[in-house]
Amino acid sequence: MNPFPRRGLLAAAAVSPFAALAACEVQGGDAADGDFPKRAVDFMVPFDPGGSGDLISRAIAKAAEEPLGQSLAVTNKPGANGAVGLKELLSGKADGYSIALAVKSLFAITPLAVEDPDAVVIDDLRIITTLTNEAYVLVVHADSPYQTLEDLLAADSVNYATTGVGTGSQLSAQLLFTGAGIDATDVPFDGGASAVTALLGQEVDAVSASLAETMPQVEAGELRPIAVFSEERSPFLQDVPTAAEAGFDVVVDQRRFIVAPADVPDETAGVLSLAFEEAREGAEYGQFLQDNYMDRWEVDNLEARTHLSEAAAEYAALAEDAGLQLGDGA
């Protein structure tokens, strides 16, 4: 039996033009199994159920099962903005049977807040596919006395929820409140779902979270959006001004992508990449993105890594200029 059937060669070529050549030459030992996958693939979501990361992971997993030819078993392993789950991923085998969702903020923002000698770095991982670009929006409770961003910034003090320490949620809000010079205290949660729940219970005054995590409650009349942290107004919230319109140059977004350990064989990574590429083209997945207010971020490995590196430098400069101490929870 040919250990590198046509599907395997195409998959290897999708990752690297040299991988297909190597696949033709290697006859055993460390060669990837040309029949991958032979069983279900474990897809770890390192965030709480119900948040934006969980939603997109389950949608793309469902869409990828048919092209992959196997099921994708989604499990949640929340903690530390995704670091807990990714560390578990890296502790296992690099055989393609374990993959995970990863987020831009873990690599571009979390290092500003958390000193971790064992931190997961992007070079530990192989990017299998990129998925979404999501804007952050600042929302208050519908019963809040703060009708506008100007109202909130005029408050004597503000308690605001974030989706965790070292997240885009925290950075966007802290840049805003620090720039406005108001007394603001952040209350970190492990994910957007729990942060939004705290606001719905009026335990905090505001939260910065993704559109996917807040728009259902906005449309239900339970939350009121007062600013978006994007360069331009969101097409989903045309009447809501950007922070920049209020005089605060705060632009922060979240990017989501799927990773495997860096040492995963080229051919195996290629099979996974092609399956997700086909999944992204599906009508049901496209409708999911529209229904959940997510923009596509579909770039190659090099462009993704370049973006993460540039974002890390940009956010570090912004935090330094503003004198932020993200790890202090203040």
C-alpha atoms as a PDB file:
ATOM      1  CA  MET A   1       0.000   0.000   0.000  1.00  0.00           C
ATOM      2  CA  ASN A   2       1.328   3.459  -0.890  1.00  0.00           C
ATOM      3  CA  PRO A   3       1.979   5.211   2.449  1.00  0.00           C
ATOM      4  CA  PHE A   4       1.410   8.596   0.820  1.00  0.00           C
ATOM      5  CA  PRO A   5      -1.795   8.495  -1.234  1.00  0.00           C
ATOM      6  CA  ARG A   6      -2.835  11.452  -3.376  1.00  0.00           C
ATOM      7  CA  ARG A   7      -4.813  13.050  -0.550  1.00  0.00           C
ATOM      8  CA  GLY A   8      -1.755  12.927   1.683  1.00  0.00           C
ATOM      9  CA  LEU A   9       0.542  14.450  -0.939  1.00  0.00           C
ATOM     10  CA  LEU A  10      -1.895  17.283  -1.577  1.00  0.00           C
ATOM     11  CA  ALA A  11      -2.211  17.878   2.147  1.00  0.00           C
ATOM     12  CA  ALA A  12       1.543  18.026   2.572  1.00  0.00           C
ATOM     13  CA  ALA A  13       1.841  20.406  -0.338  1.00  0.00           C
ATOM     14  CA  ALA A  14      -0.757  22.667   1.284  1.00  0.00           C
ATOM     15  CA  VAL A  15       1.589  23.098   4.235  1.00  0.00           C
ATOM     16  CA  SER A  16       4.865  23.335   2.344  1.00  0.00           C
ATOM     17  CA  PRO A  17       5.958  22.544  -1.242  1.00  0.00           C
ATOM     18  CA  PHE A  18       8.895  20.659   0.256  1.00  0.00           C
ATOM     19  CA  ALA A  19       6.704  18.535   2.503  1.00  0.00           C
ATOM     20  CA  ALA A  20       5.175  16.684  -0.430  1.00  0.00           C
ATOM     21  CA  LEU A  21       8.624  15.907  -1.792  1.00  0.00           C
ATOM     22  CA  ALA A  22       9.738  14.639   1.588  1.00  0.00           C
ATOM     23  CA  ALA A  23       6.622  12.494   1.814  1.00  0.00           C
ATOM     24  CA  CYS A  24       7.538  10.830  -1.458  1.00  0.00           C
ATOM     25  CA  GLU A  25      11.040  10.021  -0.233  1.00  0.00           C
ATOM     26  CA  VAL A  26      10.361   8.844   3.322  1.00  0.00           C
ATOM     27  CA  GLN A  27       9.225   5.241   3.513  1.00  0.00           C
ATOM     28  CA  GLY A  28       8.712   4.624   7.218  1.00  0.00           C
ATOM     29  CA  GLY A  29      10.079   5.466  10.636  1.00  0.00           C
ATOM     30  CA  ASP A  30       8.999   9.071  11.300  1.00  0.00           C
ATOM     31  CA  ALA A  31       6.710   9.337   8.287  1.00  0.00           C
ATOM     32  CA  ALA A  32       3.136  10.410   8.956  1.00  0.00           C
ATOM     33  CA  ASP A  33       0.488   7.771   8.480  1.00  0.00           C
ATOM     34  CA  GLY A  34      -1.090   8.363   5.075  1.00  0.00           C
ATOM     35  CA  ASP A  35      -4.428   7.158   6.435  1.00  0.00           C
ATOM     36  CA  PHE A  36      -4.737   9.973   8.989  1.00  0.00           C
ATOM     37  CA  PRO A  37      -7.139  10.367  10.648  1.00  0.00           C
ATOM     38  CA  LYS A  38      -8.151   6.843  11.645  1.00  0.00           C
ATOM     39  CA  ARG A  39     -10.173   7.979  14.657  1.00  0.00           C
ATOM     40  CA  ALA A  40     -11.789  11.039  16.196  1.00  0.00           C
ATOM     41  CA  VAL A  41      -9.692  14.152  16.692  1.00  0.00           C
ATOM     42  CA  ASP A  42      -9.818  15.869  20.087  1.00  0.00           C
ATOM     43  CA  PHE A  43     -10.505  19.595  19.752  1.00  0.00           C
ATOM     44  CA  MET A  44      -9.766  21.469  22.972  1.00  0.00           C
ATOM     45  CA  VAL A  45     -11.440  24.814  23.636  1.00  0.00           C
ATOM     46  CA  PRO A  46      -9.459  26.539  26.407  1.00  0.00           C
ATOM     47  CA  PHE A  47     -12.394  28.752  27.402  1.00  0.00           C
ATOM     48  CA  ASP A  48     -15.702  28.466  29.231  1.00  0.00           C
ATOM     49  CA  PRO A  49     -18.763  27.057  27.439  1.00  0.00           C
ATOM     50  CA  GLY A  50     -21.010  29.694  25.885  1.00  0.00           C
ATOM     51  CA  GLY A  51     -18.360  32.301  25.137  1.00  0.00           C
ATOM     52  CA  SER A  52     -17.242  33.456  21.721  1.00  0.00           C
ATOM     53  CA  GLY A  53     -14.351  31.004  21.573  1.00  0.00           C
ATOM     54  CA  ASP A  54     -16.607  28.100  22.449  1.00  0.00           C
ATOM     55  CA  LEU A  55     -19.211  29.108  19.859  1.00  0.00           C
ATOM     56  CA  ILE A  56     -16.784  29.416  16.954  1.00  0.00           C
ATOM     57  CA  SER A  57     -15.008  26.189  17.906  1.00  0.00           C
ATOM     58  CA  ARG A  58     -18.187  24.147  17.876  1.00  0.00           C
ATOM     59  CA  ALA A  59     -19.324  25.689  14.599  1.00  0.00           C
ATOM     60  CA  ILE A  60     -16.073  25.004  12.739  1.00  0.00           C
ATOM     61  CA  ALA A  61     -15.769  21.528  14.287  1.00  0.00           C
ATOM     62  CA  LYS A  62     -19.197  20.600  13.003  1.00  0.00           C
ATOM     63  CA  ALA A  63     -18.382  21.922   9.543  1.00  0.00           C
ATOM     64  CA  ALA A  64     -15.019  20.117   9.384  1.00  0.00           C
ATOM     65  CA  GLU A  65     -16.182  16.627  10.300  1.00  0.00           C
ATOM     66  CA  GLU A  66     -17.365  15.696   6.809  1.00  0.00           C
ATOM     67  CA  PRO A  67     -14.245  16.819   4.908  1.00  0.00           C
ATOM     68  CA  LEU A  68     -12.005  15.320   7.594  1.00  0.00           C
ATOM     69  CA  GLY A  69     -13.866  12.023   7.574  1.00  0.00           C
ATOM     70  CA  GLN A  70     -13.871  11.749  11.362  1.00  0.00           C
ATOM     71  CA  SER A  71     -15.626  13.394  14.267  1.00  0.00           C
ATOM     72  CA  LEU A  72     -14.118  16.282  16.200  1.00  0.00           C
ATOM     73  CA  ALA A  73     -14.683  15.870  19.935  1.00  0.00           C
ATOM     74  CA  VAL A  74     -14.916  19.344  21.485  1.00  0.00           C
ATOM     75  CA  THR A  75     -14.005  19.699  25.164  1.00  0.00           C
ATOM     76  CA  ASN A  76     -13.612  22.820  27.313  1.00  0.00           C
ATOM     77  CA  LYS A  77     -10.486  23.392  29.395  1.00  0.00           C
ATOM     78  CA  PRO A  78     -10.689  27.028  30.539  1.00  0.00           C
ATOM     79  CA  GLY A  79      -8.109  29.061  32.384  1.00  0.00           C
ATOM     80  CA  ALA A  80      -5.532  31.834  32.021  1.00  0.00           C
ATOM     81  CA  ASN A  81      -6.823  33.159  28.682  1.00  0.00           C
ATOM     82  CA  GLY A  82      -6.273  29.794  27.031  1.00  0.00           C
ATOM     83  CA  ALA A  83      -2.857  29.008  28.496  1.00  0.00           C
ATOM     84  CA  VAL A  84      -4.116  26.139  30.672  1.00  0.00           C
ATOM     85  CA  GLY A  85      -5.575  24.271  27.725  1.00  0.00           C
ATOM     86  CA  LEU A  86      -2.651  24.930  25.399  1.00  0.00           C
ATOM     87  CA  LYS A  87      -0.166  23.694  27.977  1.00  0.00           C
ATOM     88  CA  GLU A  88      -2.163  20.491  28.198  1.00  0.00           C
ATOM     89  CA  LEU A  89      -2.125  20.247  24.412  1.00  0.00           C
ATOM     90  CA  LEU A  90       1.662  20.594  24.356  1.00  0.00           C
ATOM     91  CA  SER A  91       2.071  17.929  27.022  1.00  0.00           C
ATOM     92  CA  GLY A  92       0.539  15.343  24.700  1.00  0.00           C
ATOM     93  CA  LYS A  93       1.599  13.731  21.445  1.00  0.00           C
ATOM     94  CA  ALA A  94       2.175  15.806  18.333  1.00  0.00           C
ATOM     95  CA  ASP A  95       0.270  13.354  16.153  1.00  0.00           C
ATOM     96  CA  GLY A  96      -2.623  15.521  14.958  1.00  0.00           C
ATOM     97  CA  TYR A  97      -5.198  13.782  17.117  1.00  0.00           C
ATOM     98  CA  SER A  98      -5.186  16.702  19.555  1.00  0.00           C
ATOM     99  CA  ILE A  99      -5.718  20.273  18.386  1.00  0.00           C
ATOM    100  CA  ALA A 100      -6.938  23.423  20.111  1.00  0.00           C
ATOM    101  CA  LEU A 101      -8.340  26.874  19.643  1.00  0.00           C
ATOM    102  CA  ALA A 102      -5.927  29.728  20.314  1.00  0.00           C
ATOM    103  CA  VAL A 103      -6.420  33.471  20.518  1.00  0.00           C
ATOM    104  CA  LYS A 104      -4.368  36.513  19.587  1.00  0.00           C
ATOM    105  CA  SER A 105      -4.590  38.051  23.056  1.00  0.00           C
ATOM    106  CA  LEU A 106      -2.708  35.158  24.686  1.00  0.00           C
ATOM    107  CA  PHE A 107       0.383  35.977  22.642  1.00  0.00           C
ATOM    108  CA  ALA A 108      -0.025  39.742  22.190  1.00  0.00           C
ATOM    109  CA  ILE A 109      -1.520  40.907  25.503  1.00  0.00           C
ATOM    110  CA  THR A 110      -1.197  38.268  28.240  1.00  0.00           C
ATOM    111  CA  PRO A 111       2.636  38.650  28.418  1.00  0.00           C
ATOM    112  CA  LEU A 112       2.020  42.266  29.455  1.00  0.00           C
ATOM    113  CA  ALA A 113       0.042  41.088  32.474  1.00  0.00           C
ATOM    114  CA  VAL A 114       1.388  37.704  33.509  1.00  0.00           C
ATOM    115  CA  GLU A 115       4.992  36.712  34.191  1.00  0.00           C
ATOM    116  CA  ASP A 116       5.103  33.031  33.354  1.00  0.00           C
ATOM    117  CA  PRO A 117       8.495  31.388  32.774  1.00  0.00           C
ATOM    118  CA  ASP A 118       6.651  28.478  31.192  1.00  0.00           C
ATOM    119  CA  ALA A 119       4.382  30.609  29.022  1.00  0.00           C
ATOM    120  CA  VAL A 120       3.140  29.143  25.774  1.00  0.00           C
ATOM    121  CA  VAL A 121       4.731  30.973  22.848  1.00  0.00           C
ATOM    122  CA  ILE A 122       3.624  30.858  19.255  1.00  0.00           C
ATOM    123  CA  ASP A 123       6.780  28.979  18.219  1.00  0.00           C
ATOM    124  CA  ASP A 124       5.567  26.059  20.355  1.00  0.00           C
ATOM    125  CA  LEU A 125       2.619  25.706  18.011  1.00  0.00           C
ATOM    126  CA  ARG A 126       1.733  25.097  14.397  1.00  0.00           C
ATOM    127  CA  ILE A 127      -1.122  27.194  13.060  1.00  0.00           C
ATOM    128  CA  ILE A 128      -3.505  24.821  11.312  1.00  0.00           C
ATOM    129  CA  THR A 129      -5.991  27.442  10.164  1.00  0.00           C
ATOM    130  CA  THR A 130      -7.116  30.971  10.978  1.00  0.00           C
ATOM    131  CA  LEU A 131     -10.763  31.707  11.690  1.00  0.00           C
ATOM    132  CA  THR A 132     -12.165  35.045  12.859  1.00  0.00           C
ATOM    133  CA  ASN A 133     -11.527  38.683  13.666  1.00  0.00           C
ATOM    134  CA  GLU A 134     -13.870  39.965  16.363  1.00  0.00           C
ATOM    135  CA  ALA A 135     -14.418  43.499  17.623  1.00  0.00           C
ATOM    136  CA  TYR A 136     -14.826  44.467  21.252  1.00  0.00           C
ATOM    137  CA  VAL A 137     -17.767  46.543  22.436  1.00  0.00           C
ATOM    138  CA  LEU A 138     -18.269  48.317  25.756  1.00  0.00           C
ATOM    139  CA  VAL A 139     -21.733  47.637  27.167  1.00  0.00           C
ATOM    140  CA  VAL A 140     -23.684  48.607  30.272  1.00  0.00           C
ATOM    141  CA  HIS A 141     -26.884  47.203  31.732  1.00  0.00           C
ATOM    142  CA  ALA A 142     -30.094  48.426  30.137  1.00  0.00           C
ATOM    143  CA  ASP A 143     -31.150  49.828  33.515  1.00  0.00           C
ATOM    144  CA  SER A 144     -27.843  51.604  34.021  1.00  0.00           C
ATOM    145  CA  PRO A 145     -27.936  55.371  34.579  1.00  0.00           C
ATOM    146  CA  TYR A 146     -25.108  55.636  32.020  1.00  0.00           C
ATOM    147  CA  GLN A 147     -26.747  56.322  28.682  1.00  0.00           C
ATOM    148  CA  THR A 148     -23.564  57.169  26.782  1.00  0.00           C
ATOM    149  CA  LEU A 149     -19.812  56.708  27.021  1.00  0.00           C
ATOM    150  CA  GLU A 150     -19.543  60.295  28.208  1.00  0.00           C
ATOM    151  CA  ASP A 151     -21.928  59.491  31.080  1.00  0.00           C
ATOM    152  CA  LEU A 152     -19.838  56.507  32.157  1.00  0.00           C
ATOM    153  CA  LEU A 153     -16.587  58.451  32.007  1.00  0.00           C
ATOM    154  CA  ALA A 154     -18.115  61.159  34.193  1.00  0.00           C
ATOM    155  CA  ALA A 155     -18.738  58.671  37.020  1.00  0.00           C
ATOM    156  CA  ASP A 156     -16.781  58.967  40.256  1.00  0.00           C
ATOM    157  CA  SER A 157     -15.728  55.326  39.980  1.00  0.00           C
ATOM    158  CA  VAL A 158     -16.438  52.316  37.778  1.00  0.00           C
ATOM    159  CA  ASN A 159     -16.269  48.571  38.352  1.00  0.00           C
ATOM    160  CA  TYR A 160     -16.005  46.728  35.070  1.00  0.00           C
ATOM    161  CA  ALA A 161     -15.887  43.050  34.193  1.00  0.00           C
ATOM    162  CA  THR A 162     -13.329  41.625  31.809  1.00  0.00           C
ATOM    163  CA  THR A 163     -12.998  38.228  30.189  1.00  0.00           C
ATOM    164  CA  GLY A 164      -9.774  37.642  32.094  1.00  0.00           C
ATOM    165  CA  VAL A 165      -6.359  39.034  33.003  1.00  0.00           C
ATOM    166  CA  GLY A 166      -4.248  39.763  29.946  1.00  0.00           C
ATOM    167  CA  THR A 167      -7.145  39.743  27.485  1.00  0.00           C
ATOM    168  CA  GLY A 168      -8.236  42.222  24.844  1.00  0.00           C
ATOM    169  CA  SER A 169     -11.278  42.830  27.012  1.00  0.00           C
ATOM    170  CA  GLN A 170      -9.058  44.039  29.844  1.00  0.00           C
ATOM    171  CA  LEU A 171      -6.648  46.000  27.647  1.00  0.00           C
ATOM    172  CA  SER A 172      -9.355  47.876  25.750  1.00  0.00           C
ATOM    173  CA  ALA A 173     -11.190  48.901  28.910  1.00  0.00           C
ATOM    174  CA  GLN A 174      -8.048  49.853  30.841  1.00  0.00           C
ATOM    175  CA  LEU A 175      -6.704  51.966  27.990  1.00  0.00           C
ATOM    176  CA  LEU A 176     -10.025  53.792  27.874  1.00  0.00           C
ATOM    177  CA  PHE A 177     -10.444  54.365  31.598  1.00  0.00           C
ATOM    178  CA  THR A 178      -6.791  55.254  32.156  1.00  0.00           C
ATOM    179  CA  GLY A 179      -6.910  57.694  29.265  1.00  0.00           C
ATOM    180  CA  ALA A 180     -10.023  59.281  30.764  1.00  0.00           C
ATOM    181  CA  GLY A 181      -8.341  59.527  34.158  1.00  0.00           C
ATOM    182  CA  ILE A 182     -11.171  57.929  36.124  1.00  0.00           C
ATOM    183  CA  ASP A 183     -11.077  55.562  39.082  1.00  0.00           C
ATOM    184  CA  ALA A 184     -11.848  52.165  37.544  1.00  0.00           C
ATOM    185  CA  THR A 185     -11.431  48.660  38.941  1.00  0.00           C
ATOM    186  CA  ASP A 186     -11.463  45.570  36.771  1.00  0.00           C
ATOM    187  CA  VAL A 187     -13.108  42.347  37.849  1.00  0.00           C
ATOM    188  CA  PRO A 188     -11.656  39.500  35.770  1.00  0.00           C
ATOM    189  CA  PHE A 189     -13.653  36.411  34.828  1.00  0.00           C
ATOM    190  CA  ASP A 190     -12.659  33.271  32.940  1.00  0.00           C
ATOM    191  CA  GLY A 191     -14.326  34.073  29.646  1.00  0.00           C
ATOM    192  CA  GLY A 192     -16.941  36.288  28.078  1.00  0.00           C
ATOM    193  CA  ALA A 193     -20.006  34.321  29.114  1.00  0.00           C
ATOM    194  CA  SER A 194     -19.346  34.698  32.829  1.00  0.00           C
ATOM    195  CA  ALA A 195     -18.356  38.356  32.471  1.00  0.00           C
ATOM    196  CA  VAL A 196     -21.576  39.164  30.634  1.00  0.00           C
ATOM    197  CA  THR A 197     -23.569  37.209  33.229  1.00  0.00           C
ATOM    198  CA  ALA A 198     -22.064  39.398  35.948  1.00  0.00           C
ATOM    199  CA  LEU A 199     -23.194  42.521  34.105  1.00  0.00           C
ATOM    200  CA  LEU A 200     -26.679  41.112  33.582  1.00  0.00           C
ATOM    201  CA  GLY A 201     -26.830  40.580  37.335  1.00  0.00           C
ATOM    202  CA  GLN A 202     -25.674  44.191  37.811  1.00  0.00           C
ATOM    203  CA  GLU A 203     -22.663  43.040  39.794  1.00  0.00           C
ATOM    204  CA  VAL A 204     -20.499  45.423  37.725  1.00  0.00           C
ATOM    205  CA  ASP A 205     -21.070  48.665  35.845  1.00  0.00           C
ATOM    206  CA  ALA A 206     -19.789  47.672  32.417  1.00  0.00           C
ATOM    207  CA  VAL A 207     -17.956  45.043  30.406  1.00  0.00           C
ATOM    208  CA  SER A 208     -15.832  45.051  27.270  1.00  0.00           C
ATOM    209  CA  ALA A 209     -16.478  41.850  25.343  1.00  0.00           C
ATOM    210  CA  SER A 210     -16.873  40.595  21.798  1.00  0.00           C
ATOM    211  CA  LEU A 211     -19.964  41.240  19.722  1.00  0.00           C
ATOM    212  CA  ALA A 212     -20.757  37.520  19.726  1.00  0.00           C
ATOM    213  CA  GLU A 213     -20.836  37.542  23.512  1.00  0.00           C
ATOM    214  CA  THR A 214     -22.956  40.663  23.877  1.00  0.00           C
ATOM    215  CA  MET A 215     -25.193  41.181  20.846  1.00  0.00           C
ATOM    216  CA  PRO A 216     -27.883  38.647  21.812  1.00  0.00           C
ATOM    217  CA  GLN A 217     -28.433  40.570  25.056  1.00  0.00           C
ATOM    218  CA  VAL A 218     -28.211  43.906  23.243  1.00  0.00           C
ATOM    219  CA  GLU A 219     -30.891  42.817  20.788  1.00  0.00           C
ATOM    220  CA  ALA A 220     -33.005  41.509  23.679  1.00  0.00           C
ATOM    221  CA  GLY A 221     -32.870  44.938  25.290  1.00  0.00           C
ATOM    222  CA  GLU A 222     -30.917  43.722  28.315  1.00  0.00           C
ATOM    223  CA  LEU A 223     -27.631  45.497  27.576  1.00  0.00           C
ATOM    224  CA  ARG A 224     -26.811  48.871  26.030  1.00  0.00           C
ATOM    225  CA  PRO A 225     -23.700  49.337  23.847  1.00  0.00           C
ATOM    226  CA  ILE A 226     -21.947  52.658  24.341  1.00  0.00           C
ATOM    227  CA  ALA A 227     -18.655  52.312  22.401  1.00  0.00           C
ATOM    228  CA  VAL A 228     -16.778  49.971  20.082  1.00  0.00           C
ATOM    229  CA  PHE A 229     -13.010  49.512  20.110  1.00  0.00           C
ATOM    230  CA  SER A 230     -12.535  49.306  16.352  1.00  0.00           C
ATOM    231  CA  GLU A 231     -11.168  51.732  13.776  1.00  0.00           C
ATOM    232  CA  GLU A 232     -14.625  52.267  12.297  1.00  0.00           C
ATOM    233  CA  ARG A 233     -18.155  51.795  13.554  1.00  0.00           C
ATOM    234  CA  SER A 234     -19.335  48.226  13.477  1.00  0.00           C
ATOM    235  CA  PRO A 235     -21.752  47.370  10.659  1.00  0.00           C
ATOM    236  CA  PHE A 236     -23.783  45.602  13.340  1.00  0.00           C
ATOM    237  CA  LEU A 237     -23.892  48.713  15.557  1.00  0.00           C
ATOM    238  CA  GLN A 238     -23.969  51.647  13.212  1.00  0.00           C
ATOM    239  CA  ASP A 239     -25.369  54.016  15.851  1.00  0.00           C
ATOM    240  CA  VAL A 240     -22.657  53.227  18.400  1.00  0.00           C
ATOM    241  CA  PRO A 241     -19.571  55.471  18.251  1.00  0.00           C
ATOM    242  CA  THR A 242     -16.003  54.254  18.356  1.00  0.00           C
ATOM    243  CA  ALA A 243     -13.840  55.101  21.337  1.00  0.00           C
ATOM    244  CA  ALA A 244     -11.759  57.180  18.932  1.00  0.00           C
ATOM    245  CA  GLU A 245     -14.765  59.385  18.202  1.00  0.00           C
ATOM    246  CA  ALA A 246     -14.809  60.257  21.896  1.00  0.00           C
ATOM    247  CA  GLY A 247     -11.135  61.172  21.756  1.00  0.00           C
ATOM    248  CA  PHE A 248      -9.587  57.880  22.892  1.00  0.00           C
ATOM    249  CA  ASP A 249      -7.412  56.104  20.332  1.00  0.00           C
ATOM    250  CA  VAL A 250      -8.167  52.594  21.530  1.00  0.00           C
ATOM    251  CA  VAL A 251      -8.323  49.910  18.848  1.00  0.00           C
ATOM    252  CA  VAL A 252      -8.225  46.320  20.113  1.00  0.00           C
ATOM    253  CA  ASP A 253      -9.561  43.180  18.467  1.00  0.00           C
ATOM    254  CA  GLN A 254      -9.481  39.421  18.950  1.00  0.00           C
ATOM    255  CA  ARG A 255      -8.301  36.887  16.389  1.00  0.00           C
ATOM    256  CA  ARG A 256      -9.015  33.171  16.711  1.00  0.00           C
ATOM    257  CA  PHE A 257      -7.210  30.272  15.088  1.00  0.00           C
ATOM    258  CA  ILE A 258      -6.608  26.548  15.443  1.00  0.00           C
ATOM    259  CA  VAL A 259      -3.268  25.086  16.465  1.00  0.00           C
ATOM    260  CA  ALA A 260      -1.434  21.817  16.976  1.00  0.00           C
ATOM    261  CA  PRO A 261       1.940  21.170  18.602  1.00  0.00           C
ATOM    262  CA  ALA A 262       4.768  22.479  16.426  1.00  0.00           C
ATOM    263  CA  ASP A 263       6.174  19.007  15.815  1.00  0.00           C
ATOM    264  CA  VAL A 264       3.029  17.626  14.186  1.00  0.00           C
ATOM    265  CA  PRO A 265       4.036  15.919  10.911  1.00  0.00           C
ATOM    266  CA  ASP A 266       3.660  18.035   7.776  1.00  0.00           C
ATOM    267  CA  GLU A 267       1.315  15.621   6.074  1.00  0.00           C
ATOM    268  CA  THR A 268      -0.940  15.368   9.119  1.00  0.00           C
ATOM    269  CA  ALA A 269      -1.053  19.156   9.480  1.00  0.00           C
ATOM    270  CA  GLY A 270      -1.902  19.402   5.797  1.00  0.00           C
ATOM    271  CA  VAL A 271      -4.849  17.015   6.107  1.00  0.00           C
ATOM    272  CA  LEU A 272      -6.211  19.065   8.974  1.00  0.00           C
ATOM    273  CA  SER A 273      -5.641  22.367   7.176  1.00  0.00           C
ATOM    274  CA  LEU A 274      -7.440  21.216   4.041  1.00  0.00           C
ATOM    275  CA  ALA A 275     -10.394  19.940   6.059  1.00  0.00           C
ATOM    276  CA  PHE A 276     -10.794  23.259   7.848  1.00  0.00           C
ATOM    277  CA  GLU A 277     -10.323  25.191   4.629  1.00  0.00           C
ATOM    278  CA  GLU A 278     -13.210  23.263   3.090  1.00  0.00           C
ATOM    279  CA  ALA A 279     -15.241  23.731   6.274  1.00  0.00           C
ATOM    280  CA  ARG A 280     -14.812  27.518   6.109  1.00  0.00           C
ATOM    281  CA  GLU A 281     -16.365  27.523   2.645  1.00  0.00           C
ATOM    282  CA  GLY A 282     -19.581  25.870   3.825  1.00  0.00           C
ATOM    283  CA  ALA A 283     -22.827  27.812   3.720  1.00  0.00           C
ATOM    284  CA  GLU A 284     -23.851  26.790   7.247  1.00  0.00           C
ATOM    285  CA  TYR A 285     -20.562  28.003   8.697  1.00  0.00           C
ATOM    286  CA  GLY A 286     -20.849  31.263   6.778  1.00  0.00           C
ATOM    287  CA  GLN A 287     -24.331  31.787   8.165  1.00  0.00           C
ATOM    288  CA  PHE A 288     -23.026  31.110  11.666  1.00  0.00           C
ATOM    289  CA  LEU A 289     -20.436  33.879  11.304  1.00  0.00           C
ATOM    290  CA  GLN A 290     -23.092  36.312  10.142  1.00  0.00           C
ATOM    291  CA  ASP A 291     -25.507  35.336  12.892  1.00  0.00           C
ATOM    292  CA  ASN A 292     -22.790  35.740  15.526  1.00  0.00           C
ATOM    293  CA  TYR A 293     -21.321  39.031  14.314  1.00  0.00           C
ATOM    294  CA  MET A 294     -17.915  37.601  13.413  1.00  0.00           C
ATOM    295  CA  ASP A 295     -15.667  38.715  10.568  1.00  0.00           C
ATOM    296  CA  ARG A 296     -13.521  36.228   8.690  1.00  0.00           C
ATOM    297  CA  TRP A 297      -9.778  36.142   9.296  1.00  0.00           C
ATOM    298  CA  GLU A 298      -8.440  33.704   6.750  1.00  0.00           C
ATOM    299  CA  VAL A 299      -4.740  34.213   6.093  1.00  0.00           C
ATOM    300  CA  ASP A 300      -1.727  31.961   5.663  1.00  0.00           C
ATOM    301  CA  ASN A 301       0.620  30.862   8.433  1.00  0.00           C
ATOM    302  CA  LEU A 302       3.256  33.524   7.755  1.00  0.00           C
ATOM    303  CA  GLU A 303       0.770  36.390   7.664  1.00  0.00           C
ATOM    304  CA  ALA A 304      -0.853  35.172  10.874  1.00  0.00           C
ATOM    305  CA  ARG A 305       2.471  34.981  12.702  1.00  0.00           C
ATOM    306  CA  THR A 306       3.472  38.407  11.418  1.00  0.00           C
ATOM    307  CA  HIS A 307       0.206  39.891  12.648  1.00  0.00           C
ATOM    308  CA  LEU A 308       0.641  38.389  16.114  1.00  0.00           C
ATOM    309  CA  SER A 309       4.187  39.720  16.373  1.00  0.00           C
ATOM    310  CA  GLU A 310       3.244  43.221  15.230  1.00  0.00           C
ATOM    311  CA  ALA A 311       0.230  43.311  17.537  1.00  0.00           C
ATOM    312  CA  ALA A 312       2.366  42.314  20.528  1.00  0.00           C
ATOM    313  CA  ALA A 313       4.740  45.208  19.839  1.00  0.00           C
ATOM    314  CA  GLU A 314       1.884  47.661  19.281  1.00  0.00           C
ATOM    315  CA  TYR A 315       0.007  46.724  22.453  1.00  0.00           C
ATOM    316  CA  ALA A 316       3.202  46.790  24.519  1.00  0.00           C
ATOM    317  CA  ALA A 317       3.865  50.337  23.328  1.00  0.00           C
ATOM    318  CA  LEU A 318       0.298  51.419  24.087  1.00  0.00           C
ATOM    319  CA  ALA A 319       0.422  49.920  27.572  1.00  0.00           C
ATOM    320  CA  GLU A 320       3.773  51.533  28.314  1.00  0.00           C
ATOM    321  CA  ASP A 321       2.647  54.930  27.072  1.00  0.00           C
ATOM    322  CA  ALA A 322      -0.490  54.720  29.227  1.00  0.00           C
ATOM    323  CA  GLY A 323       1.417  53.423  32.260  1.00  0.00           C
ATOM    324  CA  LEU A 324      -0.817  50.361  32.507  1.00  0.00           C
ATOM    325  CA  GLN A 325      -0.206  47.542  34.977  1.00  0.00           C
ATOM    326  CA  LEU A 326      -2.538  44.880  33.604  1.00  0.00           C
ATOM    327  CA  GLY A 327      -1.558  42.271  36.152  1.00  0.00           C
ATOM    328  CA  ASP A 328      -2.574  44.421  39.109  1.00  0.00           C
ATOM    329  CA  GLY A 329      -6.305  44.182  38.422  1.00  0.00           C
ATOM    330  CA  ALA A 330      -6.604  47.945  38.690  1.00  0.00           C
END
